[in-house]
Amino acid sequence: MDIKRKVYNILILGKEILGVLRNYIPFKFWRIQYQSFPKIRGKVFINSYGNVRLGRDVMINSNIDSSQLGFFPKTILHTSKSGTIIIEDNVGISNATLNARDKIHIKKGARLGAGVKIYDNDFHDLYRENREDVPEVVPAKEVIVGENAFVGAGSIVLKGVHIGKNAIIGAGSVVTKDVPDNEVWAGNPAKYLKNR
């Protein structure tokens, strides 16, 4: 092996070790539960007043080096006091945002492409006259991304949506209703295209 390759391998190993160290403290601070510490490229932004649980072999990209697709280069996990995020085994996430006031459940083997946003809530009232008074309860409803589903880059998944097992969501889609197992959907709003 030539010297350049050795130096490169040492730098990559150093980045991985640094990634574990700079994510370990926030994971402990926010009491993130995990079956095995996830493989993280970059630094995950966590703001969790509720619960976040990760399974085994979760991979998270959270920097500009891990995805050159031009989306916000960070993975964000946010829960309110009543919110829960569950990320099962072998899930891959790339610079995505998950915001839970109720529950977001990402099942085994699912993939969230670069810049995906999953919101289980409206953040605020939809009507201008009601926005000035911050409501005690913001409408929220569980979001589920099924086993081995793939959500393409830049897609937005909104509250109450259940994406089925092995389903595919095309890049840039806005998913507002349930997607059955083994179907391909895309668009704004996302619509059925074909069976997988």
Protein backbone atom coordinates (compact mmCIF):
# COMPACT_ATOMS: atom_id res chain seq x y z
CA MET A 1 0.00 0.00 0.00
CA ASP A 2 1.42 3.39 -0.93
CA ILE A 3 1.96 6.19 1.58
CA LYS A 4 -0.95 8.32 0.30
CA ARG A 5 -3.38 5.46 0.85
CA LYS A 6 -2.05 4.86 4.38
CA VAL A 7 -2.37 8.54 5.28
CA TYR A 8 -5.89 8.61 3.81
CA ASN A 9 -6.93 5.56 5.86
CA ILE A 10 -5.51 7.11 9.04
CA LEU A 11 -7.42 10.36 8.38
CA ILE A 12 -10.67 8.47 7.78
CA LEU A 13 -10.21 6.49 10.99
CA GLY A 14 -9.46 9.73 12.86
CA LYS A 15 -12.65 11.33 11.52
CA GLU A 16 -14.71 8.33 12.62
CA ILE A 17 -13.19 8.40 16.13
CA LEU A 18 -13.73 12.17 16.36
CA GLY A 19 -17.35 11.67 15.22
CA VAL A 20 -18.01 9.19 18.02
CA LEU A 21 -16.45 11.49 20.62
CA ARG A 22 -18.26 14.66 19.59
CA ASN A 23 -21.61 12.85 19.43
CA TYR A 24 -21.18 10.76 22.57
CA ILE A 25 -21.56 13.72 24.97
CA PRO A 26 -24.84 15.04 23.43
CA PHE A 27 -26.21 11.48 23.30
CA LYS A 28 -25.51 11.12 27.02
CA PHE A 29 -26.76 14.63 27.88
CA TRP A 30 -30.09 14.08 26.13
CA ARG A 31 -30.32 10.47 27.40
CA ILE A 32 -30.56 8.99 23.90
CA GLN A 33 -31.12 5.25 24.17
CA TYR A 34 -29.37 2.92 21.70
CA GLN A 35 -28.69 -0.78 21.35
CA SER A 36 -25.38 0.00 19.67
CA PHE A 37 -23.89 3.46 19.22
CA PRO A 38 -24.74 4.58 15.67
CA LYS A 39 -22.13 5.04 12.98
CA ILE A 40 -22.13 8.82 12.48
CA ARG A 41 -20.35 10.90 9.87
CA GLY A 42 -20.36 14.45 11.23
CA LYS A 43 -22.22 15.80 14.26
CA VAL A 44 -25.91 15.16 14.94
CA PHE A 45 -27.90 18.11 16.32
CA ILE A 46 -30.11 16.87 19.17
CA ASN A 47 -32.77 18.78 21.06
CA SER A 48 -34.77 16.09 22.83
CA TYR A 49 -37.07 16.79 25.76
CA GLY A 50 -38.91 13.53 25.06
CA ASN A 51 -37.49 10.15 24.04
CA VAL A 52 -35.18 9.02 21.25
CA ARG A 53 -34.45 5.30 20.86
CA LEU A 54 -32.10 3.78 18.30
CA GLY A 55 -31.63 0.14 17.38
CA ARG A 56 -28.49 -1.60 16.16
CA ASP A 57 -26.30 -0.58 13.23
CA VAL A 58 -27.96 2.78 12.57
CA MET A 59 -25.99 4.96 10.14
CA ILE A 60 -26.32 8.75 10.23
CA ASN A 61 -24.72 11.21 7.83
CA SER A 62 -24.62 14.68 9.29
CA ASN A 63 -22.13 16.83 7.40
CA ILE A 64 -21.43 18.22 3.96
CA ASP A 65 -18.79 15.59 3.20
CA SER A 66 -21.30 12.76 3.51
CA SER A 67 -23.77 14.13 0.94
CA GLN A 68 -23.07 16.56 -1.88
CA LEU A 69 -26.74 16.97 -2.82
CA GLY A 70 -26.89 20.56 -1.57
CA PHE A 71 -29.33 20.17 1.32
CA PHE A 72 -28.79 21.45 4.86
CA PRO A 73 -25.69 19.50 5.95
CA LYS A 74 -26.88 18.25 9.33
CA THR A 75 -29.16 15.62 10.83
CA ILE A 76 -31.54 17.05 13.43
CA LEU A 77 -33.46 15.00 16.00
CA HIS A 78 -35.99 17.09 17.95
CA THR A 79 -38.67 15.96 20.38
CA SER A 80 -40.98 17.91 22.65
CA LYS A 81 -41.75 16.59 26.16
CA SER A 82 -44.46 14.31 24.78
CA GLY A 83 -42.52 13.35 21.64
CA THR A 84 -40.82 10.07 20.76
CA ILE A 85 -38.51 9.12 17.91
CA ILE A 86 -37.87 5.41 17.36
CA ILE A 87 -35.24 4.41 14.81
CA GLU A 88 -34.97 0.64 14.40
CA ASP A 89 -32.03 -1.55 13.29
CA ASN A 90 -30.07 -0.90 10.08
CA VAL A 91 -31.71 2.43 9.30
CA GLY A 92 -29.75 4.94 7.20
CA ILE A 93 -30.29 8.70 7.57
CA SER A 94 -28.57 11.43 5.57
CA ASN A 95 -28.78 15.05 6.72
CA ALA A 96 -32.47 14.64 7.61
CA THR A 97 -34.71 16.41 10.14
CA LEU A 98 -37.10 14.51 12.42
CA ASN A 99 -39.39 16.66 14.59
CA ALA A 100 -41.73 14.81 16.96
CA ARG A 101 -44.41 16.11 19.30
CA ASP A 102 -46.19 12.76 19.20
CA LYS A 103 -44.20 9.94 17.56
CA ILE A 104 -41.99 9.24 14.56
CA HIS A 105 -41.20 5.56 13.99
CA ILE A 106 -38.61 4.56 11.38
CA LYS A 107 -38.69 0.78 10.92
CA LYS A 108 -35.87 -1.68 10.16
CA GLY A 109 -33.79 -1.13 7.06
CA ALA A 110 -35.51 2.12 6.01
CA ARG A 111 -33.50 4.86 4.29
CA LEU A 112 -34.03 8.61 4.56
CA GLY A 113 -32.27 10.46 1.73
CA ALA A 114 -30.44 13.76 1.98
CA GLY A 115 -32.54 16.64 3.26
CA VAL A 116 -35.64 14.58 4.12
CA LYS A 117 -37.91 16.25 6.67
CA ILE A 118 -40.42 14.35 8.79
CA TYR A 119 -42.84 16.38 10.89
CA ASP A 120 -45.54 14.74 13.03
CA ASN A 121 -47.05 18.13 13.90
CA ASP A 122 -48.14 21.50 12.51
CA PHE A 123 -45.73 23.56 14.70
CA HIS A 124 -48.41 26.24 15.11
CA ASP A 125 -52.02 26.96 14.22
CA LEU A 126 -52.61 27.26 10.49
CA TYR A 127 -54.79 30.37 10.79
CA ARG A 128 -53.15 33.77 11.21
CA GLU A 129 -55.61 35.01 13.80
CA ASN A 130 -54.75 32.06 16.07
CA ARG A 131 -50.97 32.13 15.66
CA GLU A 132 -50.40 34.97 18.09
CA ASP A 133 -51.66 32.83 20.99
CA VAL A 134 -49.30 29.88 21.17
CA PRO A 135 -51.60 26.89 21.64
CA GLU A 136 -51.03 24.50 24.51
CA VAL A 137 -51.52 21.59 22.13
CA VAL A 138 -50.32 21.75 18.55
CA PRO A 139 -52.04 19.19 16.28
CA ALA A 140 -49.77 16.14 16.03
CA LYS A 141 -50.17 12.57 14.77
CA GLU A 142 -47.75 9.64 14.53
CA VAL A 143 -45.65 9.14 11.39
CA ILE A 144 -44.42 5.67 10.44
CA VAL A 145 -41.82 4.85 7.77
CA GLY A 146 -42.12 1.14 7.04
CA GLU A 147 -39.52 -1.57 6.93
CA ASN A 148 -37.04 -1.19 4.04
CA ALA A 149 -38.89 1.88 2.71
CA PHE A 150 -36.88 4.56 0.90
CA VAL A 151 -37.70 8.27 1.15
CA GLY A 152 -35.90 10.21 -1.61
CA ALA A 153 -33.80 13.33 -1.15
CA GLY A 154 -35.59 16.56 -0.29
CA SER A 155 -38.92 14.92 0.49
CA ILE A 156 -41.24 16.13 3.24
CA VAL A 157 -43.40 13.66 5.18
CA LEU A 158 -46.24 15.29 7.11
CA LYS A 159 -48.18 14.36 10.24
CA GLY A 160 -50.22 11.18 10.36
CA VAL A 161 -48.58 9.59 7.30
CA HIS A 162 -47.79 5.87 7.25
CA ILE A 163 -45.34 4.83 4.52
CA GLY A 164 -45.60 1.11 3.86
CA LYS A 165 -43.03 -1.67 3.82
CA ASN A 166 -40.68 -1.54 0.78
CA ALA A 167 -42.36 1.66 -0.49
CA ILE A 168 -40.35 4.23 -2.44
CA ILE A 169 -40.92 7.99 -2.28
CA GLY A 170 -39.42 9.95 -5.18
CA ALA A 171 -37.05 12.84 -4.53
CA GLY A 172 -38.65 16.18 -3.67
CA SER A 173 -42.06 14.73 -2.82
CA VAL A 174 -44.51 16.09 -0.27
CA VAL A 175 -46.22 13.11 1.35
CA THR A 176 -49.60 14.05 2.84
CA LYS A 177 -51.36 10.67 2.95
CA ASP A 178 -50.60 7.00 3.54
CA VAL A 179 -48.47 5.09 1.04
CA PRO A 180 -49.24 1.34 0.79
CA ASP A 181 -46.59 -1.41 0.90
CA ASN A 182 -44.51 -1.99 -2.24
CA GLU A 183 -45.65 1.12 -4.11
CA VAL A 184 -43.72 3.99 -5.71
CA TRP A 185 -45.08 7.49 -5.08
CA ALA A 186 -43.78 10.93 -6.08
CA GLY A 187 -44.81 14.54 -6.57
CA ASN A 188 -46.36 17.43 -4.68
CA PRO A 189 -48.62 16.19 -3.28
CA ALA A 190 -47.17 12.68 -3.66
CA LYS A 191 -49.29 10.33 -5.79
CA TYR A 192 -49.14 6.68 -6.81
CA LEU A 193 -46.88 5.99 -9.81
CA LYS A 194 -46.52 2.22 -9.96
CA ASN A 195 -46.02 -0.98 -8.02
CA ARG A 196 -42.51 -1.82 -7.01
